[in-house]
Amino acid sequence: MPKRSKFRKCQKGRLTGTAYRGSEVSFGEFGLKAVTNGWVTSRQIEAARIAITRYMKRTGKVWIRVFPHKPVTKHPAETRMGSGKGTPEMHVVVVKPGMILFEVEGIPRDQAEEAMRLAGHKLPVRTRTVARDEIRIE
């Protein structure tokens, strides 16, 4: 969650298009790239981070390339429709296809792919592992 923001609530927005920034591996050797779009909550990011670090033990380094800036509101349970917008319930990242979500370095390729596979299972978007040296035209 952000420490502070200009506005408490924001509009829903649309999940269209592809990522035009943050789509290349720039810190580590391997990255977890989103293939589909969706909202990823701060809890899901943390669950994926824990999955990666537990698999890697004490070796290597992990970077989280996304941050949950978008507040999502929700009405309380058993509340009638209307009566304004609800209160902010959680924060999410708007993930678009092509975004790099996590990066790792300092471990072999097969271990990096397994760590990223485990992290991908914690996320609501489809992902794949990419390497820095790969040149792929999509």
Protein backbone atom coordinates (compact mmCIF):
# COMPACT_ATOMS: atom_id res chain seq x y z
CA MET A 1 0.00 0.00 0.00
CA PRO A 2 1.21 3.52 -0.73
CA LYS A 3 2.25 5.64 2.25
CA ARG A 4 0.15 8.51 0.96
CA SER A 5 -1.77 9.33 -2.21
CA LYS A 6 -3.38 12.39 -3.73
CA PHE A 7 -6.85 10.82 -3.81
CA ARG A 8 -8.41 8.13 -1.60
CA LYS A 9 -10.59 6.63 -4.34
CA CYS A 10 -10.15 6.22 -8.08
CA GLN A 11 -12.17 5.08 -11.06
CA LYS A 12 -12.24 1.45 -12.16
CA GLY A 13 -10.56 1.90 -15.54
CA ARG A 14 -10.28 -0.62 -18.37
CA LEU A 15 -7.89 -3.56 -18.78
CA THR A 16 -6.90 -3.06 -22.41
CA GLY A 17 -3.66 -2.79 -24.34
CA THR A 18 -0.16 -4.02 -23.67
CA ALA A 19 2.61 -2.70 -21.45
CA TYR A 20 4.80 -0.13 -23.15
CA ARG A 21 7.04 0.41 -20.11
CA GLY A 22 8.48 -2.11 -17.66
CA SER A 23 8.47 -4.85 -20.26
CA GLU A 24 12.18 -5.75 -20.30
CA VAL A 25 14.37 -7.50 -17.72
CA SER A 26 16.56 -4.67 -16.45
CA PHE A 27 17.87 -5.60 -12.97
CA GLY A 28 18.32 -9.38 -12.76
CA GLU A 29 19.03 -12.22 -15.18
CA PHE A 30 15.55 -13.78 -15.32
CA GLY A 31 12.08 -12.28 -15.04
CA LEU A 32 8.44 -13.27 -14.58
CA LYS A 33 6.47 -11.73 -17.44
CA ALA A 34 2.68 -11.36 -17.49
CA VAL A 35 0.95 -12.87 -20.53
CA THR A 36 -2.61 -11.75 -19.70
CA ASN A 37 -4.03 -8.67 -18.00
CA GLY A 38 -5.64 -8.31 -14.58
CA TRP A 39 -5.46 -6.80 -11.12
CA VAL A 40 -2.83 -8.18 -8.74
CA THR A 41 -3.32 -7.34 -5.06
CA SER A 42 -0.57 -6.50 -2.59
CA ARG A 43 -1.24 -9.80 -0.79
CA GLN A 44 -0.75 -11.78 -4.00
CA ILE A 45 2.52 -9.95 -4.71
CA GLU A 46 3.74 -10.81 -1.21
CA ALA A 47 2.67 -14.47 -1.57
CA ALA A 48 4.60 -14.74 -4.85
CA ARG A 49 7.65 -13.05 -3.30
CA ILE A 50 7.62 -15.52 -0.40
CA ALA A 51 7.31 -18.46 -2.84
CA ILE A 52 10.39 -17.22 -4.75
CA THR A 53 12.54 -16.52 -1.68
CA ARG A 54 11.67 -19.82 0.01
CA TYR A 55 12.66 -21.76 -3.10
CA MET A 56 15.90 -19.79 -3.57
CA LYS A 57 16.90 -20.20 0.11
CA ARG A 58 19.75 -17.74 0.80
CA THR A 59 21.17 -17.55 -2.71
CA GLY A 60 20.53 -14.90 -5.34
CA LYS A 61 18.60 -11.64 -5.28
CA VAL A 62 14.95 -10.80 -5.98
CA TRP A 63 13.44 -7.59 -7.35
CA ILE A 64 9.72 -6.74 -7.26
CA ARG A 65 9.08 -4.60 -10.34
CA VAL A 66 5.45 -3.62 -9.59
CA PHE A 67 3.75 -1.63 -6.83
CA PRO A 68 0.03 -1.56 -5.88
CA HIS A 69 -0.90 2.10 -6.44
CA LYS A 70 -4.58 1.67 -7.35
CA PRO A 71 -7.14 1.65 -4.49
CA VAL A 72 -10.16 -0.64 -4.91
CA THR A 73 -13.32 0.23 -3.00
CA LYS A 74 -15.97 -2.07 -1.57
CA HIS A 75 -19.32 -1.69 0.16
CA PRO A 76 -19.82 -3.48 3.51
CA ALA A 77 -21.68 -6.81 3.53
CA GLU A 78 -25.49 -6.67 3.59
CA THR A 79 -25.63 -3.07 2.40
CA ARG A 80 -28.24 -1.90 -0.09
CA MET A 81 -27.24 -0.72 -3.55
CA GLY A 82 -26.35 2.93 -4.01
CA SER A 83 -25.43 5.34 -1.20
CA GLY A 84 -22.19 6.38 -2.89
CA LYS A 85 -18.89 4.73 -3.52
CA GLY A 86 -17.59 2.34 -0.85
CA THR A 87 -14.48 2.75 1.26
CA PRO A 88 -11.03 1.70 -0.03
CA GLU A 89 -10.61 -2.00 0.75
CA MET A 90 -7.26 -2.91 -0.85
CA HIS A 91 -4.66 -1.75 -3.34
CA VAL A 92 -3.90 -3.42 -6.66
CA VAL A 93 -1.46 -3.26 -9.57
CA VAL A 94 -3.00 -2.96 -13.02
CA VAL A 95 -1.04 -5.64 -14.90
CA LYS A 96 -0.93 -5.60 -18.68
CA PRO A 97 0.51 -8.24 -21.02
CA GLY A 98 4.27 -7.86 -21.32
CA MET A 99 4.90 -6.42 -17.84
CA ILE A 100 7.79 -7.84 -15.83
CA LEU A 101 6.51 -8.57 -12.32
CA PHE A 102 9.58 -10.10 -10.63
CA GLU A 103 13.27 -10.46 -11.44
CA VAL A 104 15.94 -12.75 -9.98
CA GLU A 105 19.68 -13.23 -10.36
CA GLY A 106 22.43 -15.35 -8.87
CA ILE A 107 20.83 -18.75 -9.47
CA PRO A 108 20.99 -21.20 -12.40
CA ARG A 109 18.38 -21.05 -15.16
CA ASP A 110 16.51 -24.23 -14.15
CA GLN A 111 16.16 -23.02 -10.54
CA ALA A 112 15.04 -19.57 -11.72
CA GLU A 113 12.37 -21.13 -13.94
CA GLU A 114 11.10 -23.28 -11.07
CA ALA A 115 11.02 -20.31 -8.67
CA MET A 116 9.10 -18.24 -11.24
CA ARG A 117 6.70 -21.13 -11.88
CA LEU A 118 5.91 -21.33 -8.16
CA ALA A 119 5.39 -17.56 -8.00
CA GLY A 120 3.15 -17.64 -11.08
CA HIS A 121 0.76 -20.02 -9.33
CA LYS A 122 0.15 -17.36 -6.66
CA LEU A 123 -0.92 -14.74 -9.21
CA PRO A 124 -4.28 -14.26 -10.99
CA VAL A 125 -2.60 -13.60 -14.37
CA ARG A 126 -0.90 -16.07 -16.72
CA THR A 127 2.86 -15.68 -16.71
CA ARG A 128 6.03 -17.02 -18.28
CA THR A 129 9.73 -16.88 -17.45
CA VAL A 130 12.00 -14.76 -19.62
CA ALA A 131 15.76 -14.23 -19.62
CA ARG A 132 17.66 -11.00 -20.12
CA ASP A 133 19.65 -12.38 -23.08
CA GLU A 134 16.58 -13.61 -24.98
CA ILE A 135 15.60 -11.55 -28.00
CA ARG A 136 12.00 -12.34 -28.82
CA ILE A 137 9.74 -10.45 -31.23
CA GLU A 138 6.13 -10.52 -30.07
